[in-house]
N, C-alpha and C. Protein backbone atom coordinates (compact mmCIF):
# COMPACT_ATOMS: atom_id res chain seq x y z
N MET A 1 72.11 -8.23 -26.74
CA MET A 1 73.05 -8.49 -25.57
C MET A 1 72.61 -7.46 -24.49
N SER A 2 72.91 -6.10 -24.77
CA SER A 2 72.71 -5.15 -23.85
C SER A 2 71.45 -5.22 -23.19
N GLN A 3 70.42 -5.25 -24.08
CA GLN A 3 68.85 -5.26 -23.59
C GLN A 3 68.65 -6.49 -22.92
N ASP A 4 69.01 -7.68 -23.31
CA ASP A 4 68.95 -8.78 -22.26
C ASP A 4 69.50 -8.74 -20.94
N PHE A 5 70.73 -8.06 -20.90
CA PHE A 5 71.22 -7.94 -19.74
C PHE A 5 70.54 -6.95 -18.68
N THR A 6 69.96 -5.84 -19.38
CA THR A 6 69.35 -4.94 -18.58
C THR A 6 67.98 -5.47 -18.05
N GLU A 7 67.39 -6.26 -18.82
CA GLU A 7 66.07 -7.02 -18.49
C GLU A 7 66.32 -7.84 -17.34
N LYS A 8 67.42 -8.72 -17.33
CA LYS A 8 67.68 -9.86 -16.25
C LYS A 8 68.26 -8.97 -15.00
N GLY A 9 68.94 -8.03 -15.34
CA GLY A 9 69.64 -7.18 -14.19
C GLY A 9 70.88 -7.97 -13.67
N LEU A 10 71.55 -7.56 -12.90
CA LEU A 10 72.83 -8.08 -12.41
C LEU A 10 72.55 -9.04 -11.30
N THR A 11 73.27 -10.06 -11.15
CA THR A 11 73.20 -11.17 -10.15
C THR A 11 73.37 -10.51 -8.67
N LYS A 12 72.62 -11.03 -7.82
CA LYS A 12 72.60 -10.33 -6.39
C LYS A 12 73.61 -11.18 -5.59
N ALA A 13 74.09 -12.19 -6.06
CA ALA A 13 74.80 -13.05 -5.24
C ALA A 13 76.25 -12.47 -4.76
N ARG A 14 76.81 -11.75 -5.63
CA ARG A 14 78.12 -11.11 -5.36
C ARG A 14 77.85 -9.91 -4.51
N LEU A 15 76.68 -9.26 -4.53
CA LEU A 15 76.43 -8.06 -3.65
C LEU A 15 76.18 -8.60 -2.29
N GLU A 16 75.47 -9.75 -2.02
CA GLU A 16 75.24 -10.40 -0.77
C GLU A 16 76.47 -10.96 -0.08
N THR A 17 77.52 -11.57 -1.05
CA THR A 17 78.60 -12.21 -0.47
C THR A 17 79.62 -10.97 0.00
N LEU A 18 79.57 -10.01 -0.68
CA LEU A 18 80.56 -8.71 -0.34
C LEU A 18 79.88 -8.08 1.06
N THR A 19 78.79 -7.98 1.00
CA THR A 19 78.01 -7.34 2.04
C THR A 19 78.21 -8.34 3.52
N ASP A 20 78.00 -9.40 3.33
CA ASP A 20 78.31 -10.58 4.54
C ASP A 20 79.78 -10.36 4.86
N GLY A 21 80.55 -10.32 3.92
CA GLY A 21 82.12 -10.34 4.25
C GLY A 21 82.39 -8.85 5.11
N VAL A 22 81.85 -7.72 4.56
CA VAL A 22 81.98 -6.58 5.35
C VAL A 22 81.47 -6.56 6.79
N PHE A 23 80.33 -7.21 6.91
CA PHE A 23 79.79 -7.22 8.24
C PHE A 23 80.51 -8.07 9.11
N ALA A 24 81.21 -9.18 8.56
CA ALA A 24 82.00 -10.13 9.47
C ALA A 24 83.22 -9.35 9.81
N ILE A 25 83.87 -8.53 9.14
CA ILE A 25 85.10 -7.89 9.32
C ILE A 25 84.67 -6.72 10.51
N VAL A 26 83.60 -6.07 10.08
CA VAL A 26 83.24 -4.71 10.91
C VAL A 26 82.95 -5.28 12.42
N MET A 27 82.08 -6.32 12.53
CA MET A 27 81.71 -6.85 13.80
C MET A 27 82.95 -7.50 14.59
N THR A 28 83.90 -7.88 13.77
CA THR A 28 85.10 -8.33 14.68
C THR A 28 85.83 -7.22 15.12
N LEU A 29 86.16 -6.23 14.28
CA LEU A 29 86.85 -4.98 14.73
C LEU A 29 86.19 -4.25 15.73
N LEU A 30 85.03 -4.34 16.08
CA LEU A 30 84.46 -3.77 17.29
C LEU A 30 85.19 -4.06 18.54
N ILE A 31 85.79 -5.34 18.75
CA ILE A 31 86.30 -5.87 19.95
C ILE A 31 87.61 -5.34 20.15
N LEU A 32 88.31 -4.61 19.14
CA LEU A 32 89.69 -4.27 19.24
C LEU A 32 89.72 -2.86 20.14
N ASP A 33 88.55 -2.48 20.30
CA ASP A 33 88.49 -1.14 21.12
C ASP A 33 88.72 -1.55 22.79
N ILE A 34 88.39 -2.87 23.02
CA ILE A 34 88.47 -3.19 24.31
C ILE A 34 89.76 -3.84 24.57
N LYS A 35 90.78 -3.28 25.38
CA LYS A 35 92.06 -3.69 25.73
C LYS A 35 92.24 -4.23 26.94
N VAL A 36 92.85 -5.52 27.29
CA VAL A 36 93.08 -5.97 28.49
C VAL A 36 93.88 -4.93 29.40
N PRO A 37 93.38 -4.61 30.64
CA PRO A 37 93.96 -3.62 31.51
C PRO A 37 95.41 -4.08 31.96
N MET A 38 96.25 -3.23 32.08
CA MET A 38 97.58 -3.51 32.44
C MET A 38 97.84 -2.98 33.80
N VAL A 39 97.90 -3.99 34.97
CA VAL A 39 98.19 -3.52 36.32
C VAL A 39 99.44 -4.16 36.81
N PRO A 40 100.06 -3.49 37.73
CA PRO A 40 101.28 -4.20 38.29
C PRO A 40 100.90 -5.60 38.90
N ARG A 41 101.90 -6.54 38.62
CA ARG A 41 101.71 -7.86 39.28
C ARG A 41 101.46 -7.76 40.78
N ALA A 42 102.26 -6.99 41.30
CA ALA A 42 102.28 -7.07 42.94
C ALA A 42 101.06 -6.59 43.53
N SER A 43 100.08 -5.99 42.76
CA SER A 43 98.88 -5.39 43.24
C SER A 43 97.63 -5.78 42.22
N VAL A 44 97.88 -6.93 41.47
CA VAL A 44 96.81 -7.34 40.77
C VAL A 44 95.46 -7.42 41.36
N THR A 45 95.46 -8.31 42.46
CA THR A 45 94.27 -8.73 43.20
C THR A 45 93.48 -7.52 43.56
N GLU A 46 94.21 -6.53 43.95
CA GLU A 46 93.55 -5.18 44.30
C GLU A 46 93.06 -4.27 43.25
N ASP A 47 93.93 -4.18 42.34
CA ASP A 47 93.82 -3.26 41.18
C ASP A 47 93.05 -3.93 39.82
N LEU A 48 92.98 -4.95 39.79
CA LEU A 48 92.43 -5.52 38.52
C LEU A 48 90.95 -5.24 38.46
N PRO A 49 90.23 -5.64 39.58
CA PRO A 49 88.69 -5.30 39.41
C PRO A 49 88.40 -3.79 39.30
N ALA A 50 88.97 -2.94 39.93
CA ALA A 50 88.93 -1.58 39.42
C ALA A 50 89.25 -1.19 38.11
N ALA A 51 90.27 -1.90 37.60
CA ALA A 51 90.66 -1.52 36.01
C ALA A 51 89.55 -2.09 35.18
N LEU A 52 89.24 -3.35 35.53
CA LEU A 52 88.07 -3.94 34.76
C LEU A 52 86.71 -3.14 34.74
N THR A 53 86.41 -2.55 35.97
CA THR A 53 85.08 -1.66 36.18
C THR A 53 85.35 -0.33 35.10
N LEU A 54 86.47 0.06 34.90
CA LEU A 54 86.72 1.16 33.96
C LEU A 54 86.35 1.02 32.54
N LEU A 55 86.19 -0.36 32.31
CA LEU A 55 86.22 -0.69 30.83
C LEU A 55 84.51 -0.94 30.57
N TRP A 56 83.57 -0.66 31.41
CA TRP A 56 82.36 -0.81 31.18
C TRP A 56 81.69 0.12 30.00
N PRO A 57 82.21 1.38 30.01
CA PRO A 57 81.83 2.07 28.84
C PRO A 57 82.05 1.46 27.42
N ARG A 58 83.32 0.95 27.16
CA ARG A 58 83.68 0.22 26.06
C ARG A 58 83.11 -0.91 25.79
N ILE A 59 82.86 -1.66 26.88
CA ILE A 59 82.01 -3.03 26.64
C ILE A 59 80.47 -2.62 26.36
N LEU A 60 79.93 -1.72 27.00
CA LEU A 60 78.38 -1.24 26.64
C LEU A 60 78.54 -0.85 25.21
N SER A 61 79.40 0.11 24.54
CA SER A 61 79.58 0.43 23.25
C SER A 61 79.64 -0.85 22.36
N TYR A 62 80.48 -1.58 22.79
CA TYR A 62 80.83 -2.73 21.89
C TYR A 62 79.39 -3.69 21.99
N ALA A 63 78.69 -3.77 22.85
CA ALA A 63 77.58 -4.76 23.05
C ALA A 63 76.34 -4.00 22.15
N ILE A 64 76.19 -2.70 22.34
CA ILE A 64 75.16 -1.99 21.62
C ILE A 64 75.38 -2.05 20.10
N SER A 65 76.74 -1.76 19.74
CA SER A 65 77.11 -1.77 18.18
C SER A 65 77.07 -3.32 17.64
N PHE A 66 77.50 -4.29 18.30
CA PHE A 66 77.41 -5.55 17.80
C PHE A 66 76.04 -5.71 17.53
N VAL A 67 75.14 -5.62 18.51
CA VAL A 67 73.62 -6.04 18.42
C VAL A 67 73.05 -5.17 17.25
N LEU A 68 73.26 -3.95 17.11
CA LEU A 68 72.60 -3.02 16.00
C LEU A 68 73.50 -3.42 14.65
N LEU A 69 74.38 -3.88 14.58
CA LEU A 69 75.04 -4.52 13.24
C LEU A 69 74.30 -5.78 12.88
N GLY A 70 74.08 -6.54 13.90
CA GLY A 70 73.30 -7.67 13.86
C GLY A 70 71.90 -7.44 13.34
N VAL A 71 71.31 -6.50 13.79
CA VAL A 71 69.90 -6.10 13.27
C VAL A 71 70.06 -5.60 11.69
N TYR A 72 71.11 -4.99 11.39
CA TYR A 72 71.37 -4.34 10.09
C TYR A 72 71.56 -5.67 9.21
N TRP A 73 72.34 -6.65 9.69
CA TRP A 73 72.52 -7.79 8.77
C TRP A 73 71.38 -8.68 8.49
N ILE A 74 70.53 -8.76 9.67
CA ILE A 74 69.19 -9.62 9.56
C ILE A 74 68.53 -8.98 8.60
N GLY A 75 68.21 -7.46 8.75
CA GLY A 75 67.40 -6.72 7.91
C GLY A 75 67.77 -6.72 6.41
N HIS A 76 69.11 -6.68 6.09
CA HIS A 76 69.45 -6.88 4.70
C HIS A 76 69.27 -8.22 4.29
N HIS A 77 69.53 -9.14 4.96
CA HIS A 77 69.08 -10.51 4.59
C HIS A 77 67.65 -10.75 4.20
N ALA A 78 66.89 -10.17 5.13
CA ALA A 78 65.31 -10.28 4.87
C ALA A 78 65.01 -9.53 3.61
N LEU A 79 65.59 -8.23 3.52
CA LEU A 79 65.11 -7.53 2.18
C LEU A 79 65.46 -8.36 1.00
N PHE A 80 66.63 -8.97 0.96
CA PHE A 80 67.08 -9.79 -0.23
C PHE A 80 66.39 -11.03 -0.44
N HIS A 81 65.57 -11.32 0.57
CA HIS A 81 64.65 -12.66 0.34
C HIS A 81 63.76 -12.10 -0.79
N TYR A 82 63.38 -10.89 -0.81
CA TYR A 82 62.46 -10.43 -1.82
C TYR A 82 63.04 -9.86 -2.87
N ILE A 83 64.06 -9.34 -2.77
CA ILE A 83 64.87 -8.64 -3.94
C ILE A 83 65.36 -9.81 -4.83
N ARG A 84 64.81 -9.71 -6.07
CA ARG A 84 65.36 -10.90 -6.90
C ARG A 84 66.46 -10.67 -7.78
N LYS A 85 66.70 -9.48 -8.03
CA LYS A 85 68.13 -9.05 -8.82
C LYS A 85 68.45 -7.78 -8.37
N SER A 86 69.67 -7.46 -9.06
CA SER A 86 70.20 -6.09 -8.70
C SER A 86 70.66 -5.26 -9.93
N ASP A 87 70.87 -4.10 -9.96
CA ASP A 87 71.36 -3.17 -10.86
C ASP A 87 72.50 -2.53 -10.43
N ARG A 88 73.01 -1.63 -11.28
CA ARG A 88 74.23 -0.78 -10.79
C ARG A 88 73.58 0.27 -9.76
N THR A 89 72.34 0.88 -9.81
CA THR A 89 71.94 1.83 -9.00
C THR A 89 72.07 1.06 -7.66
N LEU A 90 71.31 -0.27 -7.43
CA LEU A 90 71.25 -0.78 -6.15
C LEU A 90 72.56 -1.11 -5.69
N LEU A 91 73.49 -1.46 -6.41
CA LEU A 91 74.83 -1.78 -5.95
C LEU A 91 75.48 -0.62 -5.23
N TRP A 92 75.20 0.54 -5.87
CA TRP A 92 75.87 1.77 -5.29
C TRP A 92 75.25 2.20 -4.08
N ILE A 93 73.84 1.97 -3.97
CA ILE A 93 73.05 2.21 -2.69
C ILE A 93 73.66 1.32 -1.64
N ASN A 94 73.93 0.01 -2.07
CA ASN A 94 74.60 -0.93 -0.96
C ASN A 94 75.94 -0.62 -0.63
N MET A 95 76.64 0.02 -1.65
CA MET A 95 77.89 0.58 -1.20
C MET A 95 77.89 1.60 -0.13
N ILE A 96 76.97 2.57 -0.25
CA ILE A 96 76.87 3.58 0.73
C ILE A 96 76.41 2.81 1.94
N PHE A 97 75.61 1.76 1.96
CA PHE A 97 74.99 1.07 3.09
C PHE A 97 76.35 0.49 3.97
N MET A 98 77.31 0.03 3.03
CA MET A 98 78.34 -0.76 3.60
C MET A 98 79.51 0.37 4.30
N MET A 99 79.55 1.44 3.51
CA MET A 99 80.35 2.48 4.14
C MET A 99 79.81 2.92 5.43
N ALA A 100 78.76 3.08 5.64
CA ALA A 100 78.02 3.43 6.89
C ALA A 100 78.24 2.35 7.82
N VAL A 101 78.21 1.08 7.57
CA VAL A 101 78.39 -0.04 8.51
C VAL A 101 79.81 0.02 8.79
N ALA A 102 80.78 0.18 7.75
CA ALA A 102 82.16 0.20 8.01
C ALA A 102 82.76 1.23 8.99
N PHE A 103 82.05 2.47 9.19
CA PHE A 103 82.36 3.46 10.05
C PHE A 103 81.94 3.36 11.53
N VAL A 104 81.03 2.31 11.62
CA VAL A 104 80.72 1.89 13.19
C VAL A 104 81.80 1.72 14.05
N PRO A 105 82.94 0.88 13.81
CA PRO A 105 83.89 0.71 14.77
C PRO A 105 84.44 2.04 15.39
N PHE A 106 84.56 2.95 14.49
CA PHE A 106 85.15 4.32 14.78
C PHE A 106 84.19 4.94 15.60
N SER A 107 83.03 5.15 15.03
CA SER A 107 81.85 5.95 16.07
C SER A 107 81.63 5.33 17.29
N ALA A 108 81.66 3.96 17.38
CA ALA A 108 81.51 3.32 18.60
C ALA A 108 82.79 3.50 19.52
N ALA A 109 83.83 3.56 19.22
CA ALA A 109 85.16 3.91 19.85
C ALA A 109 84.98 5.13 20.37
N LEU A 110 84.50 6.05 19.55
CA LEU A 110 84.37 7.55 20.03
C LEU A 110 83.47 7.72 21.10
N MET A 111 82.15 7.00 21.01
CA MET A 111 81.37 7.16 22.06
C MET A 111 81.61 6.36 23.29
N SER A 112 82.56 5.36 23.14
CA SER A 112 83.10 4.67 24.45
C SER A 112 84.05 5.58 25.17
N GLU A 113 84.70 6.45 24.40
CA GLU A 113 85.72 7.27 25.02
C GLU A 113 85.31 8.57 25.58
N TYR A 114 84.50 9.00 24.69
CA TYR A 114 83.67 10.33 25.22
C TYR A 114 82.16 10.37 25.32
N GLY A 115 81.55 9.28 25.98
CA GLY A 115 80.24 9.17 25.91
C GLY A 115 79.34 10.14 26.65
N ARG A 116 79.97 11.02 27.50
CA ARG A 116 79.40 12.22 28.08
C ARG A 116 79.46 13.41 27.39
N GLN A 117 80.02 13.32 26.05
CA GLN A 117 80.13 14.53 25.17
C GLN A 117 79.10 14.32 24.08
N ALA A 118 78.33 15.42 23.87
CA ALA A 118 77.14 15.43 23.07
C ALA A 118 77.64 15.09 21.58
N ILE A 119 78.90 15.77 21.13
CA ILE A 119 79.35 15.54 19.88
C ILE A 119 79.69 13.95 19.58
N ALA A 120 80.06 13.35 20.58
CA ALA A 120 80.49 11.83 20.33
C ALA A 120 79.33 11.10 20.17
N VAL A 121 78.39 11.26 20.95
CA VAL A 121 77.05 10.31 20.89
C VAL A 121 76.26 10.78 19.47
N ARG A 122 76.38 12.07 19.16
CA ARG A 122 75.76 12.54 18.15
C ARG A 122 76.32 11.96 16.86
N ILE A 123 77.57 11.98 16.66
CA ILE A 123 78.24 11.13 15.50
C ILE A 123 77.90 9.68 15.48
N TYR A 124 77.84 9.14 16.57
CA TYR A 124 77.26 7.72 16.49
C TYR A 124 76.09 7.65 16.11
N GLY A 125 75.02 8.65 16.54
CA GLY A 125 73.81 8.62 16.13
C GLY A 125 73.54 8.92 14.46
N LEU A 126 74.49 9.78 14.16
CA LEU A 126 74.38 10.06 12.81
C LEU A 126 74.89 8.96 11.65
N ASN A 127 75.76 8.22 12.24
CA ASN A 127 76.23 7.07 11.57
C ASN A 127 75.25 5.89 11.59
N GLN A 128 74.48 5.82 12.74
CA GLN A 128 73.38 4.71 12.56
C GLN A 128 72.21 5.32 11.74
N LEU A 129 72.05 6.53 11.58
CA LEU A 129 71.11 7.18 10.81
C LEU A 129 71.28 6.91 9.28
N ALA A 130 72.70 7.10 9.11
CA ALA A 130 73.15 6.91 7.49
C ALA A 130 72.83 5.37 7.18
N ALA A 131 73.18 4.54 8.19
CA ALA A 131 73.17 3.26 7.85
C ALA A 131 71.66 2.77 7.61
N GLY A 132 70.76 3.16 8.59
CA GLY A 132 69.38 3.05 8.47
C GLY A 132 68.66 3.25 7.25
N LEU A 133 68.99 4.76 6.92
CA LEU A 133 68.54 5.18 5.66
C LEU A 133 68.88 4.65 4.45
N SER A 134 70.12 4.27 4.29
CA SER A 134 70.66 3.52 3.16
C SER A 134 70.03 2.26 2.90
N LEU A 135 69.75 1.57 4.17
CA LEU A 135 69.14 0.10 4.10
C LEU A 135 67.67 0.60 3.47
N TYR A 136 67.05 1.40 3.93
CA TYR A 136 65.82 1.79 3.49
C TYR A 136 65.80 2.15 1.99
N ALA A 137 66.73 2.85 1.57
CA ALA A 137 67.07 3.35 0.17
C ALA A 137 67.07 2.07 -0.67
N GLN A 138 67.68 0.89 -0.38
CA GLN A 138 67.63 -0.13 -1.18
C GLN A 138 66.17 -0.76 -1.28
N TRP A 139 65.63 -0.88 -0.14
CA TRP A 139 64.28 -1.37 -0.32
C TRP A 139 63.38 -0.40 -1.24
N TRP A 140 63.32 0.91 -0.83
CA TRP A 140 62.45 1.63 -1.71
C TRP A 140 62.98 1.66 -3.16
N TYR A 141 64.13 1.78 -3.60
CA TYR A 141 64.55 1.68 -4.83
C TYR A 141 64.09 0.22 -5.47
N ALA A 142 64.23 -0.90 -4.76
CA ALA A 142 63.82 -2.26 -5.43
C ALA A 142 62.47 -2.34 -5.64
N THR A 143 61.58 -1.81 -4.74
CA THR A 143 60.12 -2.09 -4.84
C THR A 143 59.50 -0.97 -5.69
N ARG A 144 60.14 0.09 -5.90
CA ARG A 144 59.47 1.19 -6.58
C ARG A 144 59.18 0.77 -8.10
N GLY A 145 57.72 0.65 -8.31
CA GLY A 145 57.38 -0.02 -9.47
C GLY A 145 57.68 -1.45 -9.86
N ARG A 146 57.98 -2.08 -8.55
CA ARG A 146 58.25 -3.52 -8.74
C ARG A 146 59.70 -3.82 -9.54
N ARG A 147 60.54 -2.72 -9.42
CA ARG A 147 61.65 -2.66 -10.20
C ARG A 147 62.55 -3.95 -10.10
N LEU A 148 62.79 -4.45 -8.79
CA LEU A 148 63.78 -5.58 -8.50
C LEU A 148 63.18 -6.70 -7.85
N VAL A 149 61.87 -6.71 -7.62
CA VAL A 149 61.10 -7.53 -6.89
C VAL A 149 60.12 -8.21 -7.75
N ASP A 150 59.44 -9.38 -7.33
CA ASP A 150 58.42 -10.11 -7.87
C ASP A 150 57.35 -9.03 -8.33
N HIS A 151 56.63 -9.08 -9.35
CA HIS A 151 55.63 -7.99 -9.78
C HIS A 151 54.38 -8.32 -9.12
N ASP A 152 54.17 -9.59 -8.37
CA ASP A 152 52.92 -9.75 -7.73
C ASP A 152 53.33 -9.71 -6.17
N LEU A 153 54.44 -9.07 -5.77
CA LEU A 153 54.73 -9.07 -4.25
C LEU A 153 53.48 -8.26 -3.67
N ASP A 154 53.30 -8.88 -2.57
CA ASP A 154 52.10 -8.44 -1.62
C ASP A 154 52.24 -6.91 -1.20
N PRO A 155 51.42 -5.86 -1.63
CA PRO A 155 51.72 -4.55 -1.25
C PRO A 155 52.00 -4.32 0.41
N ARG A 156 51.29 -5.20 0.97
CA ARG A 156 51.36 -4.94 2.45
C ARG A 156 52.82 -5.46 2.98
N ILE A 157 53.50 -6.30 2.35
CA ILE A 157 54.69 -6.50 2.62
C ILE A 157 55.71 -5.34 2.33
N ILE A 158 55.59 -4.65 1.33
CA ILE A 158 56.41 -3.61 1.03
C ILE A 158 56.07 -2.43 2.00
N ARG A 159 54.76 -2.37 2.39
CA ARG A 159 54.39 -1.22 3.41
C ARG A 159 55.03 -1.61 4.73
N LEU A 160 54.66 -2.78 5.31
CA LEU A 160 55.19 -3.17 6.58
C LEU A 160 56.83 -3.17 6.56
N ALA A 161 57.52 -3.62 5.62
CA ALA A 161 58.94 -3.63 5.61
C ALA A 161 59.43 -2.16 5.83
N SER A 162 58.83 -1.41 5.12
CA SER A 162 59.14 0.04 5.03
C SER A 162 59.07 0.67 6.31
N GLN A 163 57.83 0.29 6.97
CA GLN A 163 57.50 1.03 8.31
C GLN A 163 58.53 0.59 9.41
N ARG A 164 58.83 -0.77 9.37
CA ARG A 164 59.80 -1.58 10.19
C ARG A 164 61.30 -1.01 10.08
N ILE A 165 61.71 -0.73 8.86
CA ILE A 165 63.03 -0.26 8.57
C ILE A 165 63.11 1.25 8.90
N LEU A 166 62.15 2.02 8.78
CA LEU A 166 62.19 3.39 9.15
C LEU A 166 61.99 3.83 10.54
N MET A 167 61.59 2.88 11.44
CA MET A 167 61.46 3.15 12.82
C MET A 167 62.82 3.34 13.45
N ALA A 168 64.02 2.65 13.03
CA ALA A 168 65.34 2.89 13.62
C ALA A 168 65.72 4.36 13.39
N PRO A 169 65.77 4.71 12.08
CA PRO A 169 66.10 6.25 11.67
C PRO A 169 65.46 7.21 12.64
N LEU A 170 64.11 6.81 12.91
CA LEU A 170 63.15 7.74 13.56
C LEU A 170 63.64 7.86 15.09
N PHE A 171 64.14 6.70 15.67
CA PHE A 171 64.73 6.54 17.13
C PHE A 171 66.01 7.38 17.22
N TYR A 172 66.78 7.24 15.86
CA TYR A 172 68.14 7.88 15.85
C TYR A 172 67.89 9.47 15.89
N THR A 173 67.00 9.88 15.06
CA THR A 173 66.74 11.05 15.09
C THR A 173 66.41 11.77 16.64
N VAL A 174 65.35 10.99 17.24
CA VAL A 174 65.22 11.45 18.53
C VAL A 174 66.35 11.52 19.43
N ALA A 175 67.16 10.48 19.30
CA ALA A 175 68.40 10.50 20.12
C ALA A 175 69.53 11.56 19.87
N ILE A 176 69.52 11.85 18.55
CA ILE A 176 70.47 12.84 18.17
C ILE A 176 69.93 14.30 18.82
N VAL A 177 68.67 14.49 18.80
CA VAL A 177 68.06 15.76 19.42
C VAL A 177 68.46 15.77 20.91
N VAL A 178 67.99 14.72 21.45
CA VAL A 178 68.29 14.39 23.02
C VAL A 178 69.66 14.60 23.32
N SER A 179 70.58 14.30 22.43
CA SER A 179 72.10 14.35 22.76
C SER A 179 72.50 15.75 23.33
N GLY A 180 71.77 16.85 22.73
CA GLY A 180 72.25 18.09 22.97
C GLY A 180 71.79 18.49 24.55
N TYR A 181 71.07 17.71 25.09
CA TYR A 181 70.53 17.88 26.61
C TYR A 181 71.04 16.92 27.41
N GLU A 182 70.98 15.64 27.20
CA GLU A 182 71.65 14.67 28.00
C GLU A 182 72.08 13.53 27.23
N PRO A 183 73.43 13.47 27.01
CA PRO A 183 74.10 12.47 26.11
C PRO A 183 73.84 10.97 26.74
N ILE A 184 73.80 10.86 28.06
CA ILE A 184 73.68 9.50 28.72
C ILE A 184 72.34 8.92 28.28
N LEU A 185 71.24 9.85 28.15
CA LEU A 185 69.91 9.22 27.83
C LEU A 185 69.90 8.99 26.27
N CYS A 186 70.76 9.82 25.54
CA CYS A 186 70.96 9.38 24.26
C CYS A 186 71.44 8.05 24.01
N VAL A 187 72.47 7.60 24.76
CA VAL A 187 73.04 6.39 24.63
C VAL A 187 71.93 5.11 25.04
N LEU A 188 71.12 5.58 26.02
CA LEU A 188 70.04 4.62 26.43
C LEU A 188 69.08 4.28 25.37
N ILE A 189 69.04 5.26 24.55
CA ILE A 189 67.70 5.14 23.25
C ILE A 189 68.66 4.16 22.28
N TYR A 190 69.85 4.47 22.16
CA TYR A 190 70.66 3.48 21.43
C TYR A 190 70.57 2.06 21.73
N ALA A 191 70.70 1.88 23.18
CA ALA A 191 70.59 0.49 23.56
C ALA A 191 69.28 -0.19 23.42
N LEU A 192 68.15 0.73 23.45
CA LEU A 192 66.70 0.13 23.39
C LEU A 192 66.27 -0.19 21.95
N VAL A 193 66.95 0.60 21.02
CA VAL A 193 66.56 0.34 19.44
C VAL A 193 66.44 -1.17 19.10
N PRO A 194 67.63 -1.83 19.51
CA PRO A 194 67.33 -3.26 18.97
C PRO A 194 66.44 -4.01 19.59
N LEU A 195 65.71 -3.75 20.60
CA LEU A 195 64.63 -4.48 21.27
C LEU A 195 63.45 -4.51 20.32
N TYR A 196 63.37 -3.58 19.40
CA TYR A 196 62.09 -3.36 18.69
C TYR A 196 62.33 -4.25 17.62
N TYR A 197 63.46 -4.54 17.24
CA TYR A 197 63.79 -5.56 16.20
C TYR A 197 64.04 -6.93 16.34
N ILE A 198 64.49 -7.35 17.83
CA ILE A 198 64.55 -8.74 18.21
C ILE A 198 63.32 -9.28 18.27
N PHE A 199 62.13 -8.63 18.71
CA PHE A 199 60.96 -9.30 18.77
C PHE A 199 60.11 -9.29 17.39
N PRO A 200 59.41 -10.24 17.11
CA PRO A 200 58.86 -10.35 15.76
C PRO A 200 57.87 -9.07 15.34
N GLY A 201 57.87 -8.47 14.29
CA GLY A 201 56.93 -7.45 13.95
C GLY A 201 55.61 -7.93 13.14
N ARG A 202 54.92 -7.02 12.79
CA ARG A 202 53.56 -7.27 11.89
C ARG A 202 54.14 -8.11 10.79
N ILE A 203 55.20 -7.69 10.08
CA ILE A 203 55.70 -8.28 8.89
C ILE A 203 56.00 -9.92 9.05
N ASP A 204 56.49 -9.94 10.26
CA ASP A 204 56.91 -11.39 10.59
C ASP A 204 55.63 -12.24 10.68
N ARG A 205 54.65 -11.72 11.24
CA ARG A 205 53.32 -12.52 11.53
C ARG A 205 52.70 -12.48 10.20
N HIS A 206 52.80 -11.53 9.37
CA HIS A 206 52.16 -11.47 7.97
C HIS A 206 52.82 -12.68 7.21
N TRP A 207 54.27 -12.71 7.34
CA TRP A 207 54.91 -13.77 6.51
C TRP A 207 54.66 -15.12 6.96
N ARG A 208 54.57 -15.34 8.36
CA ARG A 208 54.29 -16.66 8.77
C ARG A 208 52.75 -17.13 8.29
N GLY A 209 51.86 -16.11 8.34
CA GLY A 209 50.45 -16.47 7.83
C GLY A 209 50.50 -17.00 6.37
N ILE A 210 51.44 -16.24 5.55
CA ILE A 210 51.42 -16.76 4.17
C ILE A 210 52.01 -17.93 3.97
N THR A 211 53.05 -18.32 4.80
CA THR A 211 53.77 -19.55 4.70
C THR A 211 52.91 -20.57 5.02
N ALA A 212 52.05 -20.39 6.17
CA ALA A 212 51.02 -21.62 6.63
C ALA A 212 50.07 -21.69 5.59
N ARG A 213 49.58 -20.71 5.02
CA ARG A 213 48.44 -20.85 4.03
C ARG A 213 49.19 -21.66 2.84
N SER A 214 50.30 -21.33 2.53
CA SER A 214 50.84 -21.99 1.19
C SER A 214 51.08 -23.51 1.55
N ARG A 215 51.42 -23.78 2.75
CA ARG A 215 51.71 -25.22 3.21
C ARG A 215 50.27 -25.93 3.29
N GLY A 216 49.47 -25.27 3.69
CA GLY A 216 47.93 -25.88 3.88
C GLY A 216 47.35 -26.15 2.33
């Protein structure tokens, strides 16, 4: 029984369900950093626009973080299209990934409050770096020796997916270095990272080609 369990691996369904739940909660928590401004009723017409303007750092941090979390969720979903099963090691790597994801509301709130302070934007970058590297660690572990993926999985998919995942940690590393000189430029880099993932990459075109050939 023990041998059969090891060969088949653990079901990945509960891992994906838990991960989806964590993402749903974390993405919802982001909005809690944005509070409705309180202004005197007597001067609401004059004071409310200015009060709303002061919220822009929090709204920007919310938008960047929400989209980045969406990128992680889509990436995790894409990887588990190829990962067929899981084991204890993958479960714990995924736990580390979720821990990094769950920390985002704090690092986002810190950046929205102290966006001009290098340490604040650096902590945000380190948070994103941890999430990106732990996502890659899942892919590396699952594909190493075809451990948890199909044995005939195209090597190009493994390589292209690895390159695509690692681009974000590369950007975050650059941003962390830049934060020591110009924190605002660092925030701009964070905002631009999702653009790389919103548009289809080589792996998406490669996958569409395989799908088209299989249908043909």
